[in-house]
N, C-alpha and C. Protein backbone atom coordinates (compact mmCIF):
# COMPACT_ATOMS: atom_id res chain seq x y z
N MET A 1 -19.09 -1.00 -2.35
CA MET A 1 -17.81 -1.19 -2.80
C MET A 1 -17.33 -2.35 -2.25
N GLU A 2 -16.73 -3.23 -2.87
CA GLU A 2 -16.09 -4.50 -2.35
C GLU A 2 -14.78 -4.22 -1.34
N GLY A 3 -14.96 -4.52 -0.07
CA GLY A 3 -14.04 -4.65 0.86
C GLY A 3 -12.67 -5.15 0.47
N VAL A 4 -11.68 -4.90 1.11
CA VAL A 4 -10.37 -5.47 0.86
C VAL A 4 -10.47 -7.03 1.41
N ARG A 5 -11.15 -7.02 2.70
CA ARG A 5 -11.27 -8.41 3.31
C ARG A 5 -12.01 -9.51 2.44
N ASN A 6 -12.90 -8.93 1.42
CA ASN A 6 -13.55 -9.80 0.63
C ASN A 6 -12.56 -10.02 -0.45
N VAL A 7 -11.87 -9.06 -0.84
CA VAL A 7 -10.90 -9.37 -1.92
C VAL A 7 -10.07 -10.57 -1.68
N VAL A 8 -9.33 -10.21 -0.40
CA VAL A 8 -8.46 -11.20 0.08
C VAL A 8 -8.96 -12.64 0.37
N ALA A 9 -10.23 -12.78 0.62
CA ALA A 9 -10.83 -13.97 0.86
C ALA A 9 -10.92 -14.73 -0.63
N ARG A 10 -11.13 -13.98 -1.76
CA ARG A 10 -11.38 -14.43 -2.94
C ARG A 10 -10.20 -14.70 -3.46
N VAL A 11 -9.04 -14.18 -3.20
CA VAL A 11 -7.66 -14.47 -3.67
C VAL A 11 -7.10 -15.89 -3.10
N PHE A 12 -7.37 -15.87 -1.68
CA PHE A 12 -7.11 -17.11 -0.94
C PHE A 12 -7.90 -18.30 -1.62
N GLY A 13 -9.14 -17.79 -2.01
CA GLY A 13 -9.78 -18.93 -2.37
C GLY A 13 -9.80 -19.71 -3.55
N PHE A 14 -8.65 -19.17 -4.50
CA PHE A 14 -8.28 -20.00 -5.61
C PHE A 14 -6.88 -20.68 -5.34
N MET A 15 -6.28 -20.88 -4.14
CA MET A 15 -5.17 -21.47 -4.03
C MET A 15 -5.28 -23.08 -4.01
N SER A 16 -6.53 -23.45 -4.40
CA SER A 16 -6.36 -24.71 -4.64
C SER A 16 -5.77 -25.05 -6.11
N LEU A 17 -5.69 -24.10 -6.89
CA LEU A 17 -5.18 -24.48 -8.13
C LEU A 17 -3.80 -23.90 -8.42
N LEU A 18 -3.49 -22.84 -7.83
CA LEU A 18 -2.08 -21.87 -7.73
C LEU A 18 -1.96 -21.42 -6.79
N LEU A 19 -2.48 -21.68 -5.73
CA LEU A 19 -2.39 -20.72 -4.44
C LEU A 19 -2.75 -19.29 -4.87
N PRO A 20 -2.44 -18.46 -4.23
CA PRO A 20 -2.78 -17.04 -4.84
C PRO A 20 -2.05 -16.55 -5.74
N LEU A 21 -0.96 -17.18 -6.16
CA LEU A 21 -0.10 -16.43 -7.28
C LEU A 21 -1.03 -15.97 -8.41
N ILE A 22 -1.73 -17.09 -9.00
CA ILE A 22 -2.18 -16.94 -10.14
C ILE A 22 -3.61 -16.29 -10.20
N SER A 23 -4.41 -16.62 -9.08
CA SER A 23 -5.66 -16.15 -8.95
C SER A 23 -5.91 -14.72 -9.11
N PRO A 24 -5.08 -13.89 -8.92
CA PRO A 24 -5.18 -12.40 -9.49
C PRO A 24 -5.28 -12.36 -10.86
N CYS A 25 -4.69 -13.13 -11.60
CA CYS A 25 -4.51 -13.21 -13.00
C CYS A 25 -5.68 -14.01 -13.86
N LEU A 26 -6.81 -14.31 -13.06
CA LEU A 26 -7.98 -15.05 -13.45
C LEU A 26 -8.87 -14.27 -13.93
N VAL A 27 -9.19 -14.37 -15.28
CA VAL A 27 -10.30 -13.54 -15.64
C VAL A 27 -11.37 -14.60 -16.54
N GLN A 28 -12.46 -14.24 -16.92
CA GLN A 28 -13.47 -14.89 -17.52
C GLN A 28 -12.70 -14.84 -18.93
N ALA A 29 -12.90 -16.06 -19.88
CA ALA A 29 -12.07 -15.96 -20.94
C ALA A 29 -12.44 -15.00 -21.99
N ALA A 30 -13.75 -14.57 -21.92
CA ALA A 30 -14.23 -13.60 -22.91
C ALA A 30 -13.49 -12.24 -22.41
N GLU A 31 -13.07 -11.88 -21.39
CA GLU A 31 -12.61 -10.50 -20.95
C GLU A 31 -11.27 -10.84 -20.23
N ALA A 32 -10.32 -11.33 -21.03
CA ALA A 32 -8.90 -11.47 -20.64
C ALA A 32 -8.27 -10.21 -20.59
N SER A 33 -8.46 -9.19 -19.56
CA SER A 33 -7.91 -7.96 -19.58
C SER A 33 -6.87 -7.84 -18.50
N VAL A 34 -6.17 -8.86 -18.11
CA VAL A 34 -5.19 -8.66 -16.97
C VAL A 34 -3.83 -7.99 -17.76
N THR A 35 -3.34 -7.22 -16.94
CA THR A 35 -2.03 -6.47 -17.56
C THR A 35 -0.93 -6.83 -16.52
N ILE A 36 0.24 -7.05 -16.91
CA ILE A 36 1.22 -7.16 -16.06
C ILE A 36 2.38 -6.20 -16.59
N ALA A 37 2.57 -5.15 -15.63
CA ALA A 37 3.43 -4.07 -15.83
C ALA A 37 4.80 -4.39 -14.99
N ALA A 38 5.85 -4.25 -15.77
CA ALA A 38 7.09 -4.16 -15.10
C ALA A 38 7.70 -2.74 -14.32
N PRO A 39 8.18 -2.80 -13.29
CA PRO A 39 8.35 -1.58 -12.88
C PRO A 39 9.75 -1.04 -13.34
N GLU A 40 9.90 0.24 -13.19
CA GLU A 40 11.26 1.04 -13.61
C GLU A 40 12.30 0.15 -13.03
N GLY A 41 13.53 0.23 -13.68
CA GLY A 41 14.66 -0.55 -13.41
C GLY A 41 14.63 -1.87 -13.63
N GLU A 42 13.80 -2.13 -14.49
CA GLU A 42 13.68 -3.49 -15.01
C GLU A 42 14.78 -4.45 -15.00
N ALA A 43 15.86 -3.82 -15.57
CA ALA A 43 17.16 -4.76 -15.68
C ALA A 43 17.88 -5.14 -14.49
N SER A 44 17.36 -4.61 -13.35
CA SER A 44 18.00 -5.06 -12.19
C SER A 44 17.15 -6.35 -11.50
N GLN A 45 16.10 -6.84 -12.17
CA GLN A 45 15.34 -7.69 -11.44
C GLN A 45 15.98 -8.94 -11.86
N THR A 46 15.59 -9.90 -10.71
CA THR A 46 16.05 -11.39 -10.73
C THR A 46 15.58 -12.15 -11.53
N GLU A 47 15.71 -13.54 -11.54
CA GLU A 47 15.11 -14.61 -12.28
C GLU A 47 13.62 -14.76 -11.45
N ALA A 48 13.77 -14.49 -10.26
CA ALA A 48 12.64 -14.75 -9.54
C ALA A 48 11.44 -13.95 -9.92
N PHE A 49 11.68 -12.65 -9.99
CA PHE A 49 10.80 -11.72 -10.71
C PHE A 49 10.27 -11.98 -11.92
N TYR A 50 10.92 -12.53 -12.80
CA TYR A 50 10.56 -12.80 -14.26
C TYR A 50 9.80 -14.17 -14.27
N GLN A 51 9.97 -14.94 -13.29
CA GLN A 51 9.36 -16.23 -13.09
C GLN A 51 7.86 -16.09 -12.91
N VAL A 52 7.63 -15.01 -11.94
CA VAL A 52 6.35 -14.63 -11.39
C VAL A 52 5.54 -14.17 -12.86
N GLU A 53 6.16 -13.36 -13.70
CA GLU A 53 5.71 -12.94 -14.68
C GLU A 53 5.24 -13.88 -15.80
N LYS A 54 6.28 -14.82 -15.82
CA LYS A 54 6.12 -15.99 -16.82
C LYS A 54 4.93 -17.01 -16.38
N ILE A 55 4.81 -17.24 -15.12
CA ILE A 55 3.79 -18.12 -14.85
C ILE A 55 2.39 -17.41 -14.99
N ALA A 56 2.00 -16.21 -14.75
CA ALA A 56 0.97 -15.42 -14.70
C ALA A 56 0.70 -15.39 -16.57
N GLN A 57 1.72 -15.10 -17.41
CA GLN A 57 1.43 -15.03 -18.64
C GLN A 57 0.87 -16.25 -19.07
N SER A 58 1.39 -17.59 -18.57
CA SER A 58 1.03 -18.92 -18.97
C SER A 58 -0.35 -19.40 -18.59
N VAL A 59 -0.85 -18.57 -17.48
CA VAL A 59 -2.18 -18.85 -17.03
C VAL A 59 -3.22 -18.00 -17.78
N ILE A 60 -2.94 -17.04 -18.32
CA ILE A 60 -3.67 -16.12 -19.05
C ILE A 60 -3.79 -16.87 -20.56
N GLN A 61 -2.71 -17.38 -20.82
CA GLN A 61 -2.75 -18.01 -22.21
C GLN A 61 -3.96 -19.12 -22.13
N VAL A 62 -3.72 -20.04 -21.14
CA VAL A 62 -4.75 -21.18 -20.86
C VAL A 62 -6.25 -20.54 -20.76
N LEU A 63 -6.37 -19.50 -20.00
CA LEU A 63 -7.67 -19.01 -20.07
C LEU A 63 -8.32 -18.29 -21.19
N GLU A 64 -7.40 -17.94 -22.10
CA GLU A 64 -7.89 -17.44 -23.43
C GLU A 64 -8.06 -18.48 -24.55
N SER A 65 -7.64 -19.58 -24.26
CA SER A 65 -7.85 -20.85 -25.02
C SER A 65 -9.29 -21.25 -25.16
N GLU A 66 -9.68 -22.14 -26.19
CA GLU A 66 -10.81 -22.63 -26.63
C GLU A 66 -11.21 -23.82 -25.71
N ALA A 67 -10.31 -24.06 -24.79
CA ALA A 67 -10.59 -25.35 -23.94
C ALA A 67 -11.82 -25.11 -23.09
N ASN A 68 -12.44 -26.21 -22.63
CA ASN A 68 -13.64 -25.98 -21.65
C ASN A 68 -12.95 -25.83 -20.37
N GLN A 69 -13.74 -25.40 -19.32
CA GLN A 69 -13.35 -25.20 -18.01
C GLN A 69 -12.66 -26.23 -17.25
N GLU A 70 -13.18 -27.45 -17.45
CA GLU A 70 -12.40 -28.52 -16.74
C GLU A 70 -10.94 -28.77 -17.59
N GLN A 71 -10.82 -28.54 -18.86
CA GLN A 71 -9.49 -28.72 -19.26
C GLN A 71 -8.66 -27.46 -18.95
N LYS A 72 -9.27 -26.44 -18.82
CA LYS A 72 -8.60 -25.14 -18.32
C LYS A 72 -7.91 -25.41 -16.87
N ARG A 73 -8.82 -26.13 -16.12
CA ARG A 73 -8.64 -26.42 -14.87
C ARG A 73 -7.39 -27.32 -14.69
N LYS A 74 -7.39 -28.19 -15.52
CA LYS A 74 -6.28 -29.21 -15.26
C LYS A 74 -4.94 -28.70 -15.83
N GLU A 75 -5.14 -27.90 -16.69
CA GLU A 75 -3.82 -27.34 -17.43
C GLU A 75 -2.98 -26.23 -16.28
N ILE A 76 -4.14 -25.51 -15.51
CA ILE A 76 -3.48 -24.60 -14.64
C ILE A 76 -2.97 -25.30 -13.46
N THR A 77 -3.81 -26.51 -13.15
CA THR A 77 -3.15 -27.22 -11.87
C THR A 77 -1.66 -27.72 -12.37
N LEU A 78 -1.61 -28.24 -13.53
CA LEU A 78 -0.25 -28.83 -14.00
C LEU A 78 0.74 -27.51 -14.03
N ILE A 79 0.37 -26.23 -14.04
CA ILE A 79 1.33 -25.26 -13.89
C ILE A 79 1.80 -25.12 -12.41
N ALA A 80 0.61 -25.03 -11.72
CA ALA A 80 0.85 -24.98 -10.23
C ALA A 80 1.81 -26.00 -9.75
N ASP A 81 1.70 -27.31 -10.01
CA ASP A 81 2.36 -28.43 -9.53
C ASP A 81 3.96 -28.08 -10.03
N ASP A 82 4.09 -27.34 -11.25
CA ASP A 82 5.45 -27.04 -11.65
C ASP A 82 6.26 -25.95 -11.06
N HIS A 83 5.00 -25.12 -10.46
CA HIS A 83 5.92 -23.73 -10.04
C HIS A 83 5.77 -23.54 -8.56
N PHE A 84 5.11 -24.36 -7.79
CA PHE A 84 4.72 -24.21 -6.39
C PHE A 84 5.41 -25.49 -5.69
N ALA A 85 6.29 -25.13 -4.79
CA ALA A 85 6.97 -25.96 -3.78
C ALA A 85 5.91 -26.58 -2.83
N PHE A 86 5.08 -27.36 -2.98
CA PHE A 86 4.08 -27.76 -2.18
C PHE A 86 4.52 -28.31 -0.83
N ASP A 87 5.74 -29.37 -1.33
CA ASP A 87 6.36 -29.99 -0.05
C ASP A 87 6.98 -29.22 0.85
N THR A 88 7.51 -27.93 0.53
CA THR A 88 8.14 -26.83 1.23
C THR A 88 7.07 -26.08 1.97
N ILE A 89 5.89 -25.84 1.48
CA ILE A 89 4.91 -25.13 1.75
C ILE A 89 4.37 -25.92 2.97
N ALA A 90 3.99 -27.14 2.83
CA ALA A 90 3.58 -28.00 4.07
C ALA A 90 4.53 -27.99 5.08
N LYS A 91 5.75 -28.35 4.73
CA LYS A 91 6.73 -28.38 5.89
C LYS A 91 6.87 -26.96 6.74
N LEU A 92 6.94 -26.02 6.05
CA LEU A 92 6.76 -24.40 6.74
C LEU A 92 5.57 -24.52 7.30
N SER A 93 4.49 -24.94 6.90
CA SER A 93 3.13 -24.81 7.59
C SER A 93 3.12 -25.53 9.10
N LEU A 94 4.05 -26.64 9.20
CA LEU A 94 3.92 -27.51 10.29
C LEU A 94 5.22 -26.87 11.12
N ALA A 95 5.99 -26.26 10.76
CA ALA A 95 7.15 -25.45 11.47
C ALA A 95 7.95 -26.68 12.36
N ARG A 96 8.15 -26.50 13.54
CA ARG A 96 8.93 -27.38 14.32
C ARG A 96 8.02 -28.69 14.50
N SER A 97 6.87 -28.70 14.11
CA SER A 97 6.35 -29.88 14.48
C SER A 97 6.38 -30.98 13.62
N TRP A 98 6.93 -30.60 12.30
CA TRP A 98 7.27 -31.41 11.13
C TRP A 98 8.09 -32.66 11.64
N ARG A 99 9.11 -32.35 12.56
CA ARG A 99 10.01 -33.37 13.07
C ARG A 99 9.41 -34.28 13.98
N ASP A 100 8.04 -33.81 14.34
CA ASP A 100 7.36 -35.02 15.13
C ASP A 100 6.58 -35.96 14.30
N PHE A 101 6.60 -35.74 12.78
CA PHE A 101 5.85 -36.73 12.15
C PHE A 101 6.94 -37.65 11.50
N SER A 102 6.57 -38.93 11.25
CA SER A 102 7.38 -39.90 10.75
C SER A 102 7.48 -39.58 9.31
N PRO A 103 8.70 -40.20 8.63
CA PRO A 103 8.67 -39.87 7.09
C PRO A 103 7.35 -40.45 6.55
N ALA A 104 6.81 -41.37 6.78
CA ALA A 104 5.35 -41.82 6.10
C ALA A 104 4.24 -40.92 6.30
N GLU A 105 4.38 -40.22 7.58
CA GLU A 105 3.31 -39.18 7.96
C GLU A 105 3.62 -38.19 7.42
N GLN A 106 4.85 -37.60 7.08
CA GLN A 106 5.08 -36.21 6.32
C GLN A 106 4.78 -36.53 4.92
N GLU A 107 5.16 -37.71 4.45
CA GLU A 107 4.67 -37.84 2.93
C GLU A 107 3.23 -37.71 2.79
N GLU A 108 2.44 -38.34 3.63
CA GLU A 108 0.99 -38.58 3.67
C GLU A 108 0.39 -37.00 3.79
N PHE A 109 0.96 -36.15 4.84
CA PHE A 109 0.64 -34.78 5.10
C PHE A 109 0.70 -34.01 3.87
N VAL A 110 1.79 -34.07 3.21
CA VAL A 110 1.91 -33.21 1.98
C VAL A 110 0.85 -33.47 1.10
N VAL A 111 0.60 -34.75 0.81
CA VAL A 111 -0.59 -35.20 -0.11
C VAL A 111 -1.82 -34.56 0.31
N LEU A 112 -2.27 -34.90 1.64
CA LEU A 112 -3.51 -34.67 2.19
C LEU A 112 -3.72 -32.97 2.10
N PHE A 113 -2.51 -32.34 2.52
CA PHE A 113 -2.86 -30.64 2.37
C PHE A 113 -2.90 -30.33 1.09
N ARG A 114 -2.35 -30.83 0.00
CA ARG A 114 -2.67 -30.47 -1.34
C ARG A 114 -3.98 -30.74 -1.58
N GLU A 115 -4.38 -31.90 -1.39
CA GLU A 115 -5.79 -32.19 -1.69
C GLU A 115 -6.88 -31.27 -1.06
N PHE A 116 -6.47 -31.08 0.16
CA PHE A 116 -7.43 -30.32 1.14
C PHE A 116 -7.66 -29.04 0.49
N LEU A 117 -6.41 -28.33 -0.21
CA LEU A 117 -6.54 -26.81 -0.67
C LEU A 117 -7.51 -27.01 -1.89
N ALA A 118 -7.23 -28.08 -2.97
CA ALA A 118 -7.92 -28.22 -4.11
C ALA A 118 -9.48 -28.47 -3.65
N LYS A 119 -9.75 -29.28 -2.81
CA LYS A 119 -11.14 -29.45 -2.44
C LYS A 119 -11.91 -28.33 -1.98
N ARG A 120 -11.25 -27.74 -0.91
CA ARG A 120 -11.76 -26.60 -0.50
C ARG A 120 -12.07 -25.34 -1.22
N TYR A 121 -11.09 -25.09 -1.99
CA TYR A 121 -11.07 -23.70 -2.76
C TYR A 121 -11.34 -24.06 -4.21
N GLY A 122 -11.80 -25.09 -4.66
CA GLY A 122 -11.80 -25.20 -6.20
C GLY A 122 -12.85 -24.50 -6.75
N GLY A 123 -13.82 -24.22 -5.86
CA GLY A 123 -15.04 -23.56 -6.73
C GLY A 123 -14.81 -22.10 -7.04
N GLN A 124 -13.82 -21.77 -6.68
CA GLN A 124 -13.55 -20.03 -6.94
C GLN A 124 -13.05 -19.69 -8.29
N PHE A 125 -12.92 -20.84 -9.23
CA PHE A 125 -12.27 -20.79 -10.48
C PHE A 125 -12.74 -19.71 -11.35
N ASP A 126 -14.04 -19.39 -11.23
CA ASP A 126 -14.76 -18.45 -12.36
C ASP A 126 -15.11 -17.11 -11.51
N THR A 127 -14.34 -16.71 -10.72
CA THR A 127 -14.82 -15.52 -9.72
C THR A 127 -14.08 -14.17 -10.11
N TYR A 128 -13.26 -14.34 -11.18
CA TYR A 128 -12.43 -13.26 -11.40
C TYR A 128 -12.72 -12.52 -12.75
N ASP A 129 -12.73 -11.08 -12.81
CA ASP A 129 -13.14 -10.48 -14.27
C ASP A 129 -12.59 -9.09 -14.10
N GLY A 130 -11.47 -8.87 -15.18
CA GLY A 130 -10.86 -7.97 -15.42
C GLY A 130 -10.06 -7.33 -14.28
N ASP A 131 -9.35 -8.31 -13.55
CA ASP A 131 -8.33 -7.72 -12.60
C ASP A 131 -7.11 -7.25 -13.40
N THR A 132 -6.38 -6.52 -12.63
CA THR A 132 -4.98 -6.02 -13.28
C THR A 132 -3.78 -6.32 -12.30
N VAL A 133 -2.75 -7.00 -12.71
CA VAL A 133 -1.83 -7.19 -11.72
C VAL A 133 -0.57 -6.34 -12.19
N THR A 134 0.22 -5.77 -11.37
CA THR A 134 1.31 -5.00 -11.50
C THR A 134 2.45 -5.63 -10.70
N LEU A 135 3.60 -5.96 -11.44
CA LEU A 135 4.89 -6.33 -10.79
C LEU A 135 5.50 -5.17 -10.36
N LEU A 136 5.74 -5.02 -9.00
CA LEU A 136 6.18 -3.87 -8.29
C LEU A 136 7.66 -3.76 -8.28
N GLY A 137 8.33 -5.06 -7.85
CA GLY A 137 9.70 -5.11 -7.65
C GLY A 137 9.83 -6.44 -6.70
N GLU A 138 11.27 -6.48 -6.02
CA GLU A 138 11.40 -7.42 -5.20
C GLU A 138 12.39 -7.19 -4.24
N ARG A 139 12.52 -7.98 -3.34
CA ARG A 139 13.47 -7.70 -2.22
C ARG A 139 14.11 -9.24 -1.76
N ALA A 140 15.38 -9.06 -1.41
CA ALA A 140 16.17 -10.13 -0.92
C ALA A 140 15.85 -10.69 0.37
N GLU A 141 15.68 -12.00 0.74
CA GLU A 141 15.46 -12.52 2.08
C GLU A 141 16.39 -13.31 2.28
N PRO A 142 16.28 -13.74 3.55
CA PRO A 142 17.22 -14.79 4.17
C PRO A 142 17.33 -16.13 3.46
N ARG A 143 18.32 -17.14 3.70
CA ARG A 143 18.53 -18.20 2.76
C ARG A 143 18.45 -18.21 1.22
N GLY A 144 18.92 -17.00 0.88
CA GLY A 144 18.88 -16.68 -0.61
C GLY A 144 17.59 -16.65 -1.15
N ASP A 145 16.24 -16.44 -0.42
CA ASP A 145 15.01 -16.45 -1.06
C ASP A 145 14.87 -14.92 -1.69
N GLN A 146 13.76 -14.72 -2.38
CA GLN A 146 13.52 -13.42 -2.97
C GLN A 146 11.98 -13.44 -2.89
N THR A 147 11.53 -12.24 -2.37
CA THR A 147 10.30 -11.75 -2.32
C THR A 147 9.69 -10.92 -3.47
N VAL A 148 8.86 -11.43 -4.26
CA VAL A 148 8.32 -10.58 -5.40
C VAL A 148 7.16 -9.66 -5.12
N GLN A 149 7.18 -8.62 -5.22
CA GLN A 149 6.04 -7.79 -4.67
C GLN A 149 5.11 -7.37 -5.80
N THR A 150 3.66 -7.40 -5.71
CA THR A 150 2.77 -7.03 -6.83
C THR A 150 1.73 -6.66 -6.18
N GLN A 151 1.00 -5.84 -6.97
CA GLN A 151 -0.41 -5.32 -6.55
C GLN A 151 -1.54 -5.81 -7.51
N LEU A 152 -2.61 -6.13 -6.99
CA LEU A 152 -3.91 -6.56 -7.49
C LEU A 152 -4.70 -5.30 -7.45
N LEU A 153 -5.37 -5.00 -8.73
CA LEU A 153 -6.49 -4.04 -8.83
C LEU A 153 -7.49 -4.43 -9.30
N ARG A 154 -8.65 -4.63 -8.54
CA ARG A 154 -9.97 -5.00 -8.74
C ARG A 154 -10.85 -4.04 -9.75
N PRO A 155 -11.58 -4.64 -10.61
CA PRO A 155 -12.59 -3.70 -11.24
C PRO A 155 -13.28 -2.42 -10.45
N THR A 156 -13.52 -2.87 -9.08
CA THR A 156 -13.99 -1.97 -8.13
C THR A 156 -13.21 -1.00 -7.95
N GLY A 157 -11.90 -0.91 -8.03
CA GLY A 157 -10.86 -0.08 -7.79
C GLY A 157 -10.04 -0.23 -6.37
N VAL A 158 -10.70 -1.48 -5.85
CA VAL A 158 -9.80 -1.92 -4.64
C VAL A 158 -8.62 -2.61 -5.19
N LYS A 159 -7.38 -2.10 -4.16
CA LYS A 159 -6.12 -2.50 -4.59
C LYS A 159 -5.66 -3.45 -3.54
N VAL A 160 -4.95 -4.41 -3.82
CA VAL A 160 -4.52 -5.42 -2.79
C VAL A 160 -3.03 -5.71 -2.91
N ALA A 161 -2.09 -5.70 -1.85
CA ALA A 161 -0.59 -5.97 -2.15
C ALA A 161 -0.42 -7.60 -1.94
N ILE A 162 0.07 -8.07 -2.76
CA ILE A 162 0.40 -9.72 -2.70
C ILE A 162 1.76 -9.71 -3.00
N ASP A 163 2.34 -10.41 -1.99
CA ASP A 163 3.79 -10.80 -2.21
C ASP A 163 4.13 -12.41 -2.33
N TYR A 164 5.01 -12.80 -3.06
CA TYR A 164 5.25 -14.23 -3.27
C TYR A 164 6.87 -14.42 -2.97
N ARG A 165 7.01 -15.07 -2.07
CA ARG A 165 8.27 -15.59 -1.58
C ARG A 165 8.77 -16.87 -2.43
N MET A 166 9.89 -16.57 -3.14
CA MET A 166 10.35 -17.62 -4.16
C MET A 166 11.60 -18.31 -3.31
N ARG A 167 11.91 -19.43 -4.07
CA ARG A 167 13.34 -20.19 -3.15
C ARG A 167 13.76 -20.81 -4.53
N GLN A 168 15.01 -20.72 -4.65
CA GLN A 168 15.46 -21.64 -5.76
C GLN A 168 15.58 -22.98 -5.45
N ARG A 169 15.06 -23.90 -6.35
CA ARG A 169 15.31 -25.43 -6.26
C ARG A 169 15.88 -26.01 -7.50
N GLU A 170 16.97 -26.71 -7.45
CA GLU A 170 17.37 -27.26 -8.69
C GLU A 170 17.44 -26.36 -10.03
N GLY A 171 17.82 -25.20 -9.58
CA GLY A 171 17.83 -24.16 -10.75
C GLY A 171 16.64 -23.47 -11.01
N GLN A 172 15.51 -23.84 -10.52
CA GLN A 172 14.12 -23.14 -10.56
C GLN A 172 13.87 -22.42 -9.56
N TRP A 173 13.19 -21.28 -9.88
CA TRP A 173 12.60 -20.50 -8.75
C TRP A 173 11.29 -21.02 -8.27
N LYS A 174 10.63 -21.16 -7.31
CA LYS A 174 9.41 -21.77 -6.99
C LYS A 174 8.74 -20.89 -5.59
N VAL A 175 7.64 -20.76 -5.75
CA VAL A 175 6.77 -20.24 -4.68
C VAL A 175 6.74 -21.11 -3.62
N ILE A 176 7.04 -20.63 -2.36
CA ILE A 176 7.14 -21.06 -1.00
C ILE A 176 6.23 -20.31 -0.06
N ASP A 177 5.79 -19.32 -0.30
CA ASP A 177 4.66 -18.79 0.60
C ASP A 177 4.20 -17.40 -0.25
N VAL A 178 2.87 -17.03 0.16
CA VAL A 178 2.13 -16.03 -0.24
C VAL A 178 1.74 -15.16 0.91
N THR A 179 1.89 -13.82 0.84
CA THR A 179 1.43 -12.89 1.67
C THR A 179 0.57 -11.76 1.14
N ILE A 180 -0.82 -11.90 1.43
CA ILE A 180 -1.70 -10.83 1.14
C ILE A 180 -2.32 -9.97 2.15
N GLU A 181 -1.88 -8.55 1.89
CA GLU A 181 -2.30 -7.53 2.71
C GLU A 181 -1.79 -7.88 4.03
N GLY A 182 -0.54 -8.45 4.13
CA GLY A 182 0.28 -8.79 5.56
C GLY A 182 -0.05 -9.97 6.04
N VAL A 183 -1.08 -10.82 5.28
CA VAL A 183 -1.59 -12.22 6.03
C VAL A 183 -0.80 -13.34 5.17
N SER A 184 0.11 -14.15 5.77
CA SER A 184 0.91 -15.08 5.21
C SER A 184 0.22 -16.51 4.98
N LEU A 185 0.13 -16.98 3.95
CA LEU A 185 -0.68 -18.28 3.87
C LEU A 185 -0.22 -19.24 4.73
N VAL A 186 1.20 -19.31 4.95
CA VAL A 186 1.91 -20.43 5.68
C VAL A 186 1.73 -20.07 7.18
N SER A 187 2.00 -18.86 7.48
CA SER A 187 1.57 -18.52 8.91
C SER A 187 0.13 -18.88 9.13
N SER A 188 -0.72 -18.48 8.54
CA SER A 188 -2.27 -18.97 8.93
C SER A 188 -2.36 -20.36 9.03
N PHE A 189 -1.96 -21.24 8.10
CA PHE A 189 -2.09 -22.67 8.44
C PHE A 189 -1.24 -23.31 9.64
N ARG A 190 -0.03 -22.67 9.80
CA ARG A 190 0.83 -22.96 10.97
C ARG A 190 0.11 -22.81 12.40
N SER A 191 -0.77 -21.82 12.46
CA SER A 191 -1.44 -21.26 13.68
C SER A 191 -2.45 -22.30 13.73
N GLN A 192 -3.35 -22.75 12.62
CA GLN A 192 -4.34 -23.63 13.00
C GLN A 192 -3.81 -24.95 13.12
N PHE A 193 -2.63 -25.35 12.49
CA PHE A 193 -2.22 -26.78 12.62
C PHE A 193 -1.51 -26.90 14.19
N ARG A 194 -0.77 -25.89 14.59
CA ARG A 194 -0.35 -25.81 15.94
C ARG A 194 -1.37 -25.96 17.10
N ASP A 195 -2.50 -25.36 16.91
CA ASP A 195 -3.66 -25.53 17.68
C ASP A 195 -3.89 -26.95 17.85
N ILE A 196 -4.14 -27.66 16.85
CA ILE A 196 -4.46 -29.15 16.71
C ILE A 196 -3.42 -30.05 17.29
N LEU A 197 -2.33 -29.59 17.14
CA LEU A 197 -1.12 -30.52 17.75
C LEU A 197 -0.87 -30.09 19.06
N LYS A 198 -1.36 -29.17 19.78
CA LYS A 198 -1.16 -28.89 21.04
C LYS A 198 -1.64 -29.98 21.97
N THR A 199 -2.67 -30.35 21.49
CA THR A 199 -3.40 -31.57 22.24
C THR A 199 -3.42 -32.78 21.66
N GLY A 200 -3.05 -32.90 20.29
CA GLY A 200 -3.31 -34.08 19.52
C GLY A 200 -2.05 -34.46 18.99
N THR A 201 -2.11 -35.46 18.00
CA THR A 201 -0.97 -36.05 17.77
C THR A 201 -1.02 -35.94 16.26
N PRO A 202 0.30 -36.18 15.61
CA PRO A 202 0.17 -36.09 13.95
C PRO A 202 -0.81 -36.86 13.42
N GLN A 203 -1.17 -38.25 13.68
CA GLN A 203 -2.15 -38.80 13.25
C GLN A 203 -3.52 -38.23 13.62
N ASP A 204 -3.71 -37.33 14.54
CA ASP A 204 -5.05 -36.60 14.83
C ASP A 204 -5.03 -35.50 13.54
N LEU A 205 -4.01 -34.85 13.33
CA LEU A 205 -4.14 -33.98 12.31
C LEU A 205 -4.45 -34.48 10.94
N LEU A 206 -3.68 -35.67 10.71
CA LEU A 206 -4.01 -36.37 9.38
C LEU A 206 -5.25 -36.87 9.31
N SER A 207 -5.79 -37.31 10.44
CA SER A 207 -7.35 -38.13 10.46
C SER A 207 -8.31 -36.77 10.01
N GLN A 208 -7.99 -35.51 10.69
CA GLN A 208 -8.81 -34.45 10.62
C GLN A 208 -8.90 -34.14 8.83
N LEU A 209 -7.53 -34.15 8.45
CA LEU A 209 -7.56 -33.84 6.88
C LEU A 209 -8.13 -34.69 6.19
N ARG A 210 -7.98 -36.09 6.29
CA ARG A 210 -8.64 -37.04 5.57
C ARG A 210 -9.99 -36.93 5.83
N GLU A 211 -10.84 -36.58 6.78
CA GLU A 211 -11.94 -36.50 7.02
C GLU A 211 -12.67 -35.30 6.21
N LYS A 212 -11.87 -34.03 6.27
CA LYS A 212 -12.29 -33.01 5.64
C LYS A 212 -12.26 -33.09 3.98
N ASN A 213 -11.31 -34.05 3.54
CA ASN A 213 -11.11 -34.22 2.22
C ASN A 213 -12.36 -35.24 1.91
N ALA A 214 -12.85 -36.16 2.71
CA ALA A 214 -13.76 -37.07 2.38
C ALA A 214 -15.04 -36.40 2.17
N THR A 215 -15.27 -35.24 2.92
CA THR A 215 -16.49 -34.93 3.05
C THR A 215 -16.63 -33.70 1.99
N SER A 216 -15.65 -33.28 1.31
CA SER A 216 -15.67 -31.83 0.66
C SER A 216 -16.13 -32.19 -0.66
């Protein structure tokens, strides 16, 4: 039986295209069996909740289309760029170290970080088959954020809790973090970047990202 750790790794593996939000919804085009079930008390849910549902449905529509895999990848990437606040994700991943970067370094970091995710995890596009996603509810967070709670059910029977932290920007709710079985995407990268910056400079981190992107 597939362990939760392996499922978590596979879900994180797709964050090149949509981070983990859409990865649970990915299935082979011939077996598009993803279900999104709204919880009881649906009328009380906020726009953030329905945004998660909308994005997932958009991805399923792409996967069920007659487009080839590369075309589907491009379309899903466009959805990701529209619904994920990658600049905020990058800034949160650096935490206080963000202020140590010059404006030019900050801009480059966002670009390199996004590219790093895409190149490192892009190969996971076709690894999902018959997953079911249930939208369970949501909770209010500081700064007006909302966390939308979902559960991924694998065909093997393994269940994985996945929470999406949403923030409203210019009237649209966007994903700023994802937590899978208690493991936060932002916190994971924050720890890695902090270790590098303890003894290195912003340019050292940028150089490492450039090198990784060039060799991926």
